[in-house]
Protein backbone atom coordinates (compact mmCIF):
# COMPACT_ATOMS: atom_id res chain seq x y z
CA MET A 1 178.72 106.45 79.68
CA THR A 2 181.46 103.99 80.64
CA THR A 3 184.25 105.51 82.72
CA ASP A 4 187.79 105.56 81.38
CA ARG A 5 190.28 103.38 83.22
CA LEU A 6 194.03 102.89 83.62
CA ILE A 7 195.14 99.27 83.15
CA TYR A 8 198.31 97.24 83.65
CA LEU A 9 198.77 93.90 81.87
CA PRO A 10 201.95 91.78 81.95
CA LEU A 11 202.33 89.51 78.92
CA GLY A 12 205.76 88.22 79.97
CA GLY A 13 208.13 88.62 82.91
CA ALA A 14 205.58 88.24 85.72
CA GLY A 15 205.81 84.67 86.96
CA GLU A 16 209.20 84.08 85.33
CA ILE A 17 212.56 85.82 85.03
CA GLY A 18 213.03 86.87 81.43
CA MET A 19 210.84 87.54 78.40
CA ASN A 20 209.63 90.89 79.78
CA ALA A 21 206.63 92.55 78.11
CA TYR A 22 204.26 94.86 80.01
CA VAL A 23 201.25 96.71 78.63
CA TYR A 24 199.71 99.90 80.04
CA GLY A 25 196.44 101.30 78.72
CA TYR A 26 194.06 104.17 79.31
CA GLY A 27 190.54 104.74 77.99
CA LYS A 28 187.14 103.13 77.94
CA PRO A 29 187.16 99.36 78.61
CA GLY A 30 188.03 97.59 75.39
CA GLU A 31 189.07 100.83 73.70
CA GLU A 32 192.16 101.77 75.73
CA ARG A 33 195.10 103.39 73.98
CA LEU A 34 198.13 101.25 74.78
CA ILE A 35 201.87 101.44 75.32
CA LEU A 36 204.27 98.50 75.66
CA VAL A 37 207.17 98.51 78.10
CA ASP A 38 210.02 96.21 77.02
CA ILE A 39 209.93 93.35 74.55
CA GLY A 40 212.46 90.73 75.62
CA VAL A 41 213.42 87.11 75.17
CA ALA A 42 214.05 84.05 77.28
CA PHE A 43 216.58 81.39 76.40
CA PRO A 44 215.86 77.72 75.61
CA ASP A 45 217.36 74.59 77.10
CA MET A 46 217.85 71.14 75.64
CA ASP A 47 215.55 69.48 78.19
CA THR A 48 212.36 71.43 77.49
CA THR A 49 212.93 73.31 74.22
CA PRO A 50 215.44 71.36 72.11
CA GLY A 51 216.46 73.07 68.89
CA VAL A 52 214.68 76.33 69.75
CA ASP A 53 216.74 79.50 69.28
CA LEU A 54 214.82 82.05 71.39
CA ILE A 55 211.58 82.32 73.34
CA PHE A 56 209.25 85.35 73.21
CA ALA A 57 206.12 86.29 75.08
CA ASP A 58 202.96 85.45 73.16
CA ILE A 59 201.87 88.88 71.91
CA THR A 60 198.68 87.69 70.18
CA TRP A 61 196.47 89.84 72.43
CA LEU A 62 198.51 92.95 71.66
CA GLU A 63 198.89 92.10 67.96
CA GLU A 64 195.10 91.97 67.64
CA ARG A 65 194.97 95.49 69.10
CA ARG A 66 198.01 96.94 67.41
CA ASP A 67 195.93 99.77 65.92
CA ARG A 68 195.64 101.03 69.50
CA LEU A 69 199.37 100.66 70.32
CA GLU A 70 200.94 104.12 70.61
CA ALA A 71 204.61 103.24 71.24
CA VAL A 72 207.16 100.86 72.73
CA PHE A 73 209.43 102.01 75.57
CA ILE A 74 212.57 100.03 76.43
CA THR A 75 213.99 100.42 79.94
CA HIS A 76 217.45 99.00 79.21
CA ALA A 77 219.43 96.83 76.80
CA HIS A 78 219.49 93.43 78.46
CA GLU A 79 218.25 90.72 76.10
CA ASP A 80 215.32 89.81 78.34
CA HIS A 81 214.05 93.37 77.82
CA ILE A 82 215.12 94.24 74.25
CA GLY A 83 215.91 90.93 72.54
CA ALA A 84 212.59 90.50 70.68
CA VAL A 85 212.30 94.05 69.35
CA GLY A 86 213.40 93.12 65.83
CA HIS A 87 211.62 89.77 65.71
CA LEU A 88 208.23 91.18 66.74
CA TYR A 89 208.41 94.72 65.36
CA GLU A 90 206.21 94.15 62.29
CA ARG A 91 203.70 92.05 64.20
CA LEU A 92 203.21 95.01 66.55
CA GLY A 93 202.36 97.28 63.64
CA ALA A 94 205.79 98.98 63.35
CA PRO A 95 205.33 101.28 66.36
CA LYS A 96 207.69 104.06 67.41
CA ILE A 97 210.39 102.83 69.81
CA TYR A 98 211.73 105.07 72.57
CA ALA A 99 214.91 104.43 74.55
CA ARG A 100 217.98 106.07 76.06
CA ALA A 101 221.03 106.51 73.79
CA PHE A 102 222.95 103.34 74.67
CA THR A 103 219.82 101.18 74.52
CA GLY A 104 218.69 102.91 71.35
CA ASN A 105 222.00 102.14 69.64
CA LEU A 106 221.51 98.41 70.28
CA ALA A 107 217.81 98.53 69.37
CA ARG A 108 218.70 100.01 65.97
CA GLN A 109 221.15 97.18 65.35
CA LYS A 110 218.43 94.63 66.11
CA ILE A 111 215.73 96.12 63.88
CA ALA A 112 218.28 96.72 61.09
CA GLU A 113 218.54 92.93 60.74
CA TYR A 114 214.91 93.08 59.56
CA GLY A 115 215.42 95.96 57.17
CA VAL A 116 213.97 98.62 59.48
CA GLY A 117 215.66 102.02 59.40
CA ASP A 118 217.16 103.97 62.29
CA SER A 119 214.27 106.45 62.34
CA ALA A 120 212.05 103.84 64.02
CA VAL A 121 214.00 104.44 67.25
CA SER A 122 213.88 107.79 69.02
CA VAL A 123 216.47 108.55 71.69
CA VAL A 124 215.11 110.23 74.80
CA SER A 125 217.15 112.22 77.32
CA PRO A 126 216.91 111.33 81.00
CA TRP A 127 214.29 112.91 83.25
CA ALA A 128 212.75 115.48 83.08
CA GLU A 129 212.16 115.07 79.33
CA GLN A 130 208.84 113.33 78.64
CA VAL A 131 207.39 111.77 75.51
CA THR A 132 203.69 112.04 74.67
CA ALA A 133 202.15 108.74 73.53
CA GLY A 134 198.37 108.97 73.27
CA PRO A 135 196.99 109.69 76.76
CA PHE A 136 200.37 109.02 78.37
CA ARG A 137 203.41 111.14 79.06
CA VAL A 138 206.48 108.97 79.68
CA GLY A 139 209.92 109.89 81.00
CA PHE A 140 213.12 107.91 81.63
CA LEU A 141 214.23 108.15 85.27
CA PRO A 142 217.86 106.98 85.72
CA ILE A 143 218.43 104.02 88.02
CA SER A 144 221.57 101.92 88.52
CA HIS A 145 221.77 98.35 87.22
CA SER A 146 224.39 96.06 85.64
CA ILE A 147 224.18 97.73 82.23
CA PRO A 148 224.56 101.41 81.33
CA GLU A 149 221.66 103.86 81.16
CA SER A 150 219.06 101.68 82.83
CA SER A 151 215.96 103.71 83.54
CA ALA A 152 212.70 103.43 85.35
CA LEU A 153 209.73 104.81 83.46
CA VAL A 154 207.61 107.60 84.89
CA ILE A 155 204.21 107.05 83.25
CA ASP A 156 201.75 109.90 83.68
CA SER A 157 198.08 109.42 82.76
CA PRO A 158 194.82 111.18 83.59
CA GLU A 159 194.53 108.69 86.49
CA GLY A 160 197.85 109.71 88.01
CA ARG A 161 201.51 108.74 88.00
CA VAL A 162 202.87 105.19 87.74
CA ILE A 163 206.55 104.29 88.11
CA HIS A 164 207.79 101.14 86.36
CA THR A 165 211.23 100.41 87.83
CA GLY A 166 212.64 98.07 85.19
CA ASP A 167 215.60 96.14 86.61
CA PHE A 168 217.49 98.08 89.27
CA LYS A 169 219.75 98.23 92.28
CA LEU A 170 220.49 101.12 94.62
CA ASP A 171 224.14 101.79 93.79
CA VAL A 172 225.69 105.20 94.42
CA THR A 173 229.07 104.12 92.96
CA PRO A 174 228.25 102.05 89.84
CA LEU A 175 231.55 103.03 88.10
CA VAL A 176 229.87 103.23 84.69
CA GLY A 177 226.50 104.83 84.13
CA GLU A 178 224.34 106.83 86.50
CA ALA A 179 224.28 106.41 90.26
CA PHE A 180 221.05 106.11 92.20
CA ASP A 181 219.96 109.66 93.01
CA GLU A 182 217.59 109.44 95.97
CA ASP A 183 216.83 113.16 95.97
CA LEU A 184 215.75 113.04 92.32
CA TRP A 185 213.53 110.03 92.98
CA ARG A 186 211.88 111.76 95.95
CA GLU A 187 211.29 114.81 93.79
CA VAL A 188 209.64 112.72 91.08
CA ALA A 189 207.50 110.92 93.66
CA ALA A 190 206.46 114.09 95.50
CA PRO A 191 203.27 114.76 93.48
CA GLY A 192 202.06 111.28 94.47
CA VAL A 193 202.50 107.87 92.85
CA ARG A 194 199.47 105.71 92.23
CA ALA A 195 201.41 102.49 91.58
CA LEU A 196 204.99 101.23 91.73
CA ILE A 197 205.55 98.30 89.35
CA CYS A 198 208.70 96.85 90.86
CA ASP A 199 211.56 94.40 90.18
CA SER A 200 211.31 91.36 92.50
CA THR A 201 214.37 89.28 91.55
CA ASN A 202 216.26 89.44 94.86
CA VAL A 203 213.38 89.72 97.31
CA PHE A 204 214.69 86.67 99.18
CA SER A 205 218.18 88.22 99.72
CA HIS A 206 218.01 89.77 103.17
CA HIS A 207 221.31 91.70 103.18
CA GLU A 208 221.76 95.11 101.61
CA GLY A 209 223.05 95.09 98.04
CA ARG A 210 226.73 95.76 97.38
CA SER A 211 228.11 98.39 95.05
CA GLU A 212 229.82 97.59 91.77
CA ALA A 213 232.81 99.53 93.10
CA SER A 214 233.38 96.89 95.80
CA VAL A 215 234.60 94.19 93.39
CA GLY A 216 237.35 96.22 91.70
CA PRO A 217 240.02 95.99 94.42
CA GLU A 218 239.51 92.23 94.86
CA ILE A 219 239.72 91.54 91.12
CA THR A 220 242.84 93.70 90.86
CA LYS A 221 244.55 91.71 93.63
CA LEU A 222 243.59 88.38 92.06
CA VAL A 223 244.95 89.31 88.64
CA ALA A 224 248.17 90.71 90.13
CA ARG A 225 249.02 87.52 92.03
CA SER A 226 248.16 85.11 89.19
CA SER A 227 250.76 83.52 86.94
CA GLY A 228 250.25 82.20 83.45
CA MET A 229 247.50 83.57 81.24
CA PHE A 230 244.54 85.16 83.04
CA VAL A 231 241.08 84.69 81.51
CA ALA A 232 237.88 86.18 82.91
CA THR A 233 234.26 85.92 81.88
CA THR A 234 231.28 88.06 82.85
CA PHE A 235 228.02 89.18 81.32
CA ALA A 236 228.93 91.02 78.13
CA SER A 237 226.37 93.71 78.93
CA ASN A 238 227.99 94.52 82.28
CA VAL A 239 230.16 97.25 80.80
CA ALA A 240 231.33 98.42 84.23
CA ARG A 241 232.60 94.92 85.10
CA VAL A 242 234.32 94.51 81.74
CA LYS A 243 236.09 97.82 82.34
CA THR A 244 237.04 96.77 85.88
CA LEU A 245 238.55 93.55 84.54
CA ALA A 246 240.41 95.37 81.77
CA ASP A 247 241.78 97.96 84.22
CA ALA A 248 242.97 95.14 86.50
CA GLY A 249 244.77 93.53 83.57
CA VAL A 250 246.52 96.75 82.61
CA ALA A 251 247.48 97.37 86.26
CA ALA A 252 249.14 93.93 86.31
CA GLY A 253 251.11 94.73 83.15
CA ARG A 254 249.03 92.54 80.88
CA SER A 255 247.79 93.16 77.37
CA VAL A 256 243.99 92.84 77.20
CA CYS A 257 242.05 91.04 74.48
CA LEU A 258 238.24 90.86 74.20
CA LEU A 259 236.87 87.58 72.82
CA GLY A 260 233.26 87.24 71.76
CA ARG A 261 231.09 89.29 69.42
CA ALA A 262 228.63 90.32 72.14
CA MET A 263 231.44 91.63 74.32
CA ARG A 264 232.91 93.74 71.54
CA ARG A 265 229.48 95.01 70.46
CA MET A 266 228.61 96.21 73.97
CA ILE A 267 231.90 98.03 74.47
CA GLU A 268 231.66 99.64 71.03
CA ALA A 269 228.11 100.82 71.77
CA ALA A 270 229.20 102.23 75.14
CA ILE A 271 232.06 104.17 73.55
CA LYS A 272 229.93 105.40 70.64
CA THR A 273 227.19 106.73 72.92
CA GLY A 274 229.57 108.35 75.40
CA VAL A 275 228.94 105.91 78.25
CA LEU A 276 232.64 104.93 78.19
CA SER A 277 235.42 107.39 77.49
CA ASP A 278 238.48 105.75 79.02
CA PHE A 279 238.36 102.04 78.21
CA PRO A 280 241.90 100.59 78.01
CA SER A 281 243.42 99.79 74.64
CA VAL A 282 242.87 96.19 73.56
CA ILE A 283 244.69 93.89 71.16
CA SER A 284 243.28 91.55 68.52
CA PRO A 285 243.16 87.76 68.95
CA GLU A 286 245.77 87.50 66.20
CA ASP A 287 248.18 89.73 68.14
CA ALA A 288 247.34 87.97 71.41
CA LYS A 289 248.91 84.75 70.10
CA ASP A 290 252.32 86.48 70.08
CA ILE A 291 252.12 87.80 73.66
CA PRO A 292 253.85 85.81 76.45
CA ARG A 293 251.16 84.04 78.50
CA GLU A 294 252.09 85.75 81.75
CA ASN A 295 251.56 89.12 80.05
CA LEU A 296 248.15 88.36 78.55
CA MET A 297 244.59 88.74 79.81
CA LEU A 298 241.51 87.57 77.92
CA ILE A 299 238.02 88.84 78.74
CA VAL A 300 235.58 86.42 77.16
CA THR A 301 231.88 85.72 76.67
CA GLY A 302 230.12 82.63 77.98
CA SER A 303 229.66 83.16 81.71
CA GLN A 304 226.51 80.99 81.59
CA GLY A 305 228.11 78.02 79.85
CA GLU A 306 226.75 78.85 76.38
CA ARG A 307 228.07 76.21 73.99
CA ARG A 308 229.12 78.57 71.20
CA ALA A 309 230.59 81.31 73.39
CA ALA A 310 234.31 81.87 73.85
CA SER A 311 234.51 80.23 77.30
CA ALA A 312 233.09 76.95 76.04
CA GLN A 313 235.29 77.05 72.94
CA LEU A 314 238.40 77.44 75.11
CA ALA A 315 237.17 74.62 77.34
CA ARG A 316 236.93 72.37 74.27
CA GLY A 317 240.54 73.10 73.35
CA LYS A 318 241.04 76.21 71.22
CA HIS A 319 239.39 79.49 70.21
CA MET A 320 240.77 82.00 67.70
CA GLY A 321 244.13 80.20 67.92
CA LEU A 322 244.32 80.62 71.71
CA THR A 323 244.48 77.73 74.19
CA MET A 324 244.39 77.28 77.97
CA LYS A 325 247.25 75.49 79.71
CA GLU A 326 248.28 74.28 83.13
CA GLY A 327 249.03 77.20 85.43
CA ASP A 328 246.54 79.56 83.77
CA THR A 329 243.68 81.12 85.76
CA PHE A 330 240.03 81.37 84.72
CA LEU A 331 237.67 83.69 86.65
CA PHE A 332 233.88 83.60 86.61
CA SER A 333 233.06 87.20 87.56
CA SER A 334 229.38 86.40 87.41
CA LYS A 335 226.50 84.56 89.02
CA THR A 336 225.25 81.36 87.44
CA ILE A 337 221.62 81.85 86.52
CA PRO A 338 219.43 78.95 87.73
CA GLY A 339 219.11 76.42 84.94
CA ASN A 340 222.61 77.07 83.56
CA GLU A 341 224.50 75.08 86.19
CA LYS A 342 225.22 72.04 83.97
CA GLY A 343 226.90 74.08 81.25
CA VAL A 344 229.00 76.06 83.71
CA ILE A 345 230.10 72.98 85.67
CA HIS A 346 231.07 71.23 82.43
CA ILE A 347 233.36 74.14 81.54
CA ILE A 348 234.86 74.19 85.05
CA ASN A 349 235.63 70.47 84.89
CA SER A 350 237.11 70.77 81.39
CA PHE A 351 239.47 73.50 82.57
CA SER A 352 240.32 71.48 85.68
CA GLU A 353 241.40 68.57 83.48
CA MET A 354 243.76 71.00 81.70
CA GLY A 355 245.34 72.05 85.00
CA VAL A 356 243.73 75.51 84.87
CA ASP A 357 242.87 77.15 88.21
CA VAL A 358 239.18 78.13 88.15
CA VAL A 359 237.90 80.85 90.46
CA ASP A 360 234.15 81.39 90.81
CA ASP A 361 232.13 83.75 93.00
CA THR A 362 231.61 81.34 95.91
CA SER A 363 233.53 83.79 98.09
CA GLY A 364 231.34 86.72 97.03
CA LEU A 365 234.44 88.78 96.21
CA TYR A 366 234.30 88.95 92.43
CA HIS A 367 230.66 89.63 91.55
CA VAL A 368 227.72 91.71 92.79
CA SER A 369 224.13 91.41 91.66
CA GLY A 370 222.49 94.01 89.46
CA HIS A 371 219.17 93.65 91.31
CA ALA A 372 217.90 95.20 94.52
CA ASN A 373 217.87 93.00 97.62
CA ARG A 374 215.04 92.96 100.13
CA PRO A 375 216.24 95.94 102.24
CA ASP A 376 216.74 97.96 99.03
CA LEU A 377 213.21 97.15 97.85
CA LEU A 378 211.86 98.42 101.15
CA ARG A 379 213.95 101.56 100.80
CA LEU A 380 212.57 102.27 97.33
CA HIS A 381 209.02 101.68 98.59
CA GLU A 382 209.69 104.33 101.22
CA VAL A 383 211.24 106.78 98.75
CA VAL A 384 208.41 106.46 96.21
CA ASN A 385 205.60 106.01 98.77
CA PRO A 386 203.13 104.55 96.25
CA GLN A 387 199.48 103.76 96.95
CA ILE A 388 199.92 100.35 95.27
CA VAL A 389 202.89 98.00 94.80
CA ILE A 390 202.70 95.48 91.94
CA PRO A 391 205.70 93.12 91.83
CA MET A 392 207.09 92.08 88.43
CA HIS A 393 210.28 90.53 87.03
CA GLY A 394 210.26 87.35 89.07
CA GLU A 395 208.95 83.83 89.39
CA HIS A 396 205.64 83.33 91.19
CA ARG A 397 207.39 82.82 94.53
CA HIS A 398 209.21 86.15 94.10
CA LEU A 399 206.02 88.02 93.23
CA ARG A 400 204.14 86.50 96.17
CA GLU A 401 206.91 87.31 98.64
CA HIS A 402 207.21 90.87 97.32
CA THR A 403 203.44 91.33 97.64
CA LYS A 404 203.61 90.15 101.26
CA LEU A 405 206.55 92.49 101.90
CA ALA A 406 204.54 95.47 100.67
CA GLU A 407 201.50 94.57 102.73
CA GLU A 408 203.55 93.95 105.87
CA ASN A 409 204.53 97.61 105.56
CA ARG A 410 200.94 98.77 105.11
CA ARG A 411 200.97 99.23 101.36
CA LYS A 412 198.46 97.67 99.03
CA GLY A 413 200.10 94.83 97.11
CA VAL A 414 198.73 93.15 93.99
CA LEU A 415 200.01 89.80 92.74
CA ALA A 416 199.57 89.94 88.96
CA VAL A 417 201.13 87.15 86.91
CA ASN A 418 201.25 87.07 83.11
CA GLY A 419 197.80 87.61 81.64
CA THR A 420 196.35 89.38 84.69
CA MET A 421 194.78 92.71 83.73
CA VAL A 422 194.67 95.09 86.67
CA SER A 423 192.63 98.28 86.74
CA LEU A 424 194.53 100.98 88.63
CA SER A 425 191.55 103.34 88.60
CA GLY A 426 189.09 104.09 91.37
CA ASN A 427 189.59 103.68 95.08
CA ALA A 428 191.42 100.34 94.91
CA PRO A 429 193.17 98.20 92.30
CA GLU A 430 190.99 95.51 90.77
CA ILE A 431 191.72 92.47 88.63
CA VAL A 432 189.29 92.98 85.76
CA GLU A 433 190.24 90.32 83.21
CA TYR A 434 192.48 87.35 82.52
CA VAL A 435 194.12 87.28 79.10
CA GLU A 436 195.43 84.07 77.55
CA THR A 437 199.22 84.23 77.45
CA GLY A 438 201.96 81.79 76.57
CA ARG A 439 205.19 81.54 74.64
CA THR A 440 206.32 81.86 71.07
CA TYR A 441 209.43 80.00 69.91
CA LEU A 442 211.90 81.20 67.33
CA ASP A 443 212.79 77.93 65.63
CA GLY A 444 215.43 78.70 63.03
CA SER A 445 213.88 81.61 61.17
CA VAL A 446 210.24 80.69 61.89
CA GLN A 447 208.06 81.71 64.83
CA ILE A 448 205.95 78.83 66.20
CA GLY A 449 203.54 78.55 69.10
CA ALA A 450 204.56 76.67 72.21
CA LEU A 451 201.37 74.60 71.88
CA ASP A 452 201.76 73.83 68.18
CA GLY A 453 203.23 70.41 68.99
CA ILE A 454 206.46 70.84 67.05
CA VAL A 455 208.79 70.96 70.04
CA ARG A 456 206.69 68.33 71.82
CA ASP A 457 207.25 65.97 68.89
CA ARG A 458 210.96 66.79 68.92
CA ILE A 459 211.19 65.90 72.60
CA ARG A 460 209.34 62.63 72.00
CA MET A 461 211.73 61.69 69.22
CA ALA A 462 214.68 62.55 71.43
CA LEU A 463 213.33 60.39 74.25
CA ASN A 464 211.94 57.47 72.25
CA GLY A 465 213.70 57.37 68.88
CA HIS A 466 211.94 57.25 65.52
CA VAL A 467 210.94 54.61 62.98
CA THR A 468 209.76 55.34 59.43
CA VAL A 469 207.73 52.55 57.85
CA THR A 470 207.19 52.46 54.08
CA VAL A 471 204.73 50.14 52.40
CA VAL A 472 203.71 49.99 48.71
CA MET A 473 200.20 48.80 47.78
CA ASP A 474 199.28 47.60 44.27
CA GLU A 475 196.13 48.32 42.24
CA GLU A 476 194.28 45.50 43.99
CA ASP A 477 195.02 46.78 47.53
CA GLU A 478 197.64 44.10 48.15
CA PRO A 479 201.18 44.77 49.52
CA LEU A 480 203.74 44.95 46.74
CA GLY A 481 206.68 43.27 48.41
CA ASP A 482 207.51 43.57 52.10
CA PRO A 483 207.36 46.83 54.10
CA TRP A 484 210.70 48.31 55.15
CA CYS A 485 211.85 50.43 58.08
CA ASP A 486 214.33 53.24 58.68
CA VAL A 487 215.34 53.31 62.34
CA MET A 488 216.87 56.36 64.05
CA GLY A 489 217.99 56.84 67.64
CA LEU A 490 217.38 53.24 68.72
CA PRO A 491 219.65 50.30 69.62
CA GLU A 492 220.61 48.07 66.70
CA THR A 493 219.61 44.86 68.50
CA GLY A 494 217.20 43.90 71.27
CA ARG A 495 216.26 40.94 73.43
CA SER A 496 216.17 38.49 70.51
CA ARG A 497 219.73 39.51 69.54
CA ALA A 498 218.53 39.93 65.95
CA PRO A 499 218.84 43.32 64.23
CA LEU A 500 215.95 45.50 65.42
CA GLN A 501 215.18 46.66 61.88
CA GLU A 502 214.75 43.07 60.67
CA VAL A 503 212.52 42.16 63.63
CA LEU A 504 210.24 45.12 62.94
CA GLU A 505 210.04 44.39 59.22
CA GLU A 506 209.20 40.72 59.86
CA ASP A 507 206.41 41.61 62.30
CA LEU A 508 205.02 44.18 59.86
CA SER A 509 205.03 41.63 57.01
CA GLN A 510 203.20 39.06 59.12
CA PHE A 511 200.55 41.61 60.03
CA LEU A 512 199.99 42.66 56.42
CA ASN A 513 199.74 39.03 55.28
CA ARG A 514 196.83 38.38 57.64
CA ALA A 515 195.16 41.82 57.44
CA GLY A 516 191.62 41.97 56.04
CA GLN A 517 190.45 43.87 52.98
CA ALA A 518 188.79 46.59 55.08
CA THR A 519 192.18 47.50 56.52
CA LEU A 520 194.24 47.13 53.34
CA SER A 521 191.96 49.43 51.34
CA ASP A 522 192.01 52.25 53.90
CA ASP A 523 195.24 54.27 54.30
CA ASP A 524 194.26 55.58 57.74
CA LYS A 525 193.60 52.08 59.05
CA ILE A 526 196.88 50.78 57.61
CA GLU A 527 198.85 53.63 59.18
CA GLU A 528 197.30 53.17 62.60
CA ALA A 529 197.73 49.38 62.53
CA LEU A 530 201.37 49.47 61.39
CA ARG A 531 202.14 52.12 64.00
CA ARG A 532 200.75 49.84 66.70
CA VAL A 533 202.77 46.87 65.43
CA VAL A 534 206.05 48.82 65.45
CA ARG A 535 205.49 50.28 68.93
CA GLN A 536 204.54 46.91 70.42
CA SER A 537 207.41 45.04 68.73
CA ALA A 538 209.91 47.69 69.81
CA GLN A 539 208.55 47.54 73.35
CA ASP A 540 209.09 43.77 73.41
CA GLU A 541 212.59 44.06 71.92
CA ILE A 542 214.12 47.14 73.54
CA GLY A 543 211.63 48.34 76.16
CA LYS A 544 210.75 51.53 74.27
CA LYS A 545 207.83 52.68 72.15
CA PRO A 546 209.33 54.89 69.43
CA GLU A 547 207.62 57.63 67.45
CA VAL A 548 206.46 56.13 64.14
CA THR A 549 205.82 57.65 60.73
CA VAL A 550 204.02 55.43 58.20
CA VAL A 551 204.22 56.16 54.48
CA VAL A 552 201.68 54.32 52.31
CA SER A 553 202.26 54.51 48.54
CA ARG A 554 199.60 53.20 46.15
CA LEU A 555 200.07 52.28 42.51
CA SER A 556 197.34 53.83 40.41
CA ALA A 557 195.14 51.52 38.38
């Protein structure tokens, strides 16, 4: 008889930051009952994924085994952990979703967009309540982060206890949400922890993490000494920071206005679920237009340079009837995520041209990370005292460094990137299988595979331009008139100084006039030949080989 085993399999989030999706299973090999921890998104960029709306983990492996999926557990409400729950819910077989109250409120909003009722989400109280899901018992262990009600998961199985940290920091004064309770964590770890699956984001930061409470006094001083209108941006989900900013505005005698749907949605969810009880009164954008500038504070979305967010709209001139002017102040109370630098710098320069004073977090005074730094990771290792440490939530370099950190302190570390199935059973962890993983793109309202070629073709068109060639053939396989071209994304003239379209059409006509019957009677041969002619002619004229679509129309006999 084959022995049951406990497995861990990351489908997203291990080898990258974002798109988190982690599978745990218990049972006979190939028959394990499964749970999924988090189902998040990553965000596209114009260089590598033009036109794409969102990026998900490829859940094909799990979809094929959805009859064995017991439940989905969501650690917290950041988009890289919850953002795909509505998009992928049906593909997963409509499983039960478990979350804390604040996270559950936002999860219900996301699945409602797909016609799924509130009953699909069950709200779980913090530890020591546990939910039974097949062979697992799972509880939500509070941990501080940059969004309310973040929780690690305590996953009990017949093979022992696993703790999945989710995103975390060790903050005893987080202002909003639960503080890190070391005594509670030691109590939970006391029976023994087989594996700690642990956040790796800040493993290269060697100083201890700072508390959320440390930024409040500095922000208050900055707002108080600023003239003109004061505008601040931060992550909409960082409810504690939004409250700190709003409190600073009120303390300086300013009326506070929230701009951006995500910002308002997060604050409303926090108030509805009891996370916030004393958020300052805010005014509408319509009322804000009538407030003297020196008495107004805007808290806006778009800390990462997102084109459609409020920050970018203000940088382009106006948003909701409000404009920035010389003497105003704009604060980035946030860290720029790698890859977003261009968008943020563009906004900074646009405001600079308006005479707006821009303050970022170069000084380290106005933002603190929501992730544990290296000393804090070591501290959690010591508190939990696991047999095995498996790093997650990080690029490969983060996972490798975190693995080395664990082993330097005499703990067994396992580097498991997306698709690596690890058995946590027996005397030592073992990599037992590699699963094919990848990415799924949300392109408009359609989900497409990253390897389908659609985005690749879009990139090629963006880089090389596009030419459509149309040719009509008569009943005797002879061209009926000359072929014509539609040219997009290419210069109008080239080296010959003649219009590019006319040069291409002339070269195509010459080719067709000398082509043999074997070519003219075969659509595939015509298409390939005309494509070659266009690419070579364009190369000679403008130094580029465009993408080419050939349309052959034949008159029926």
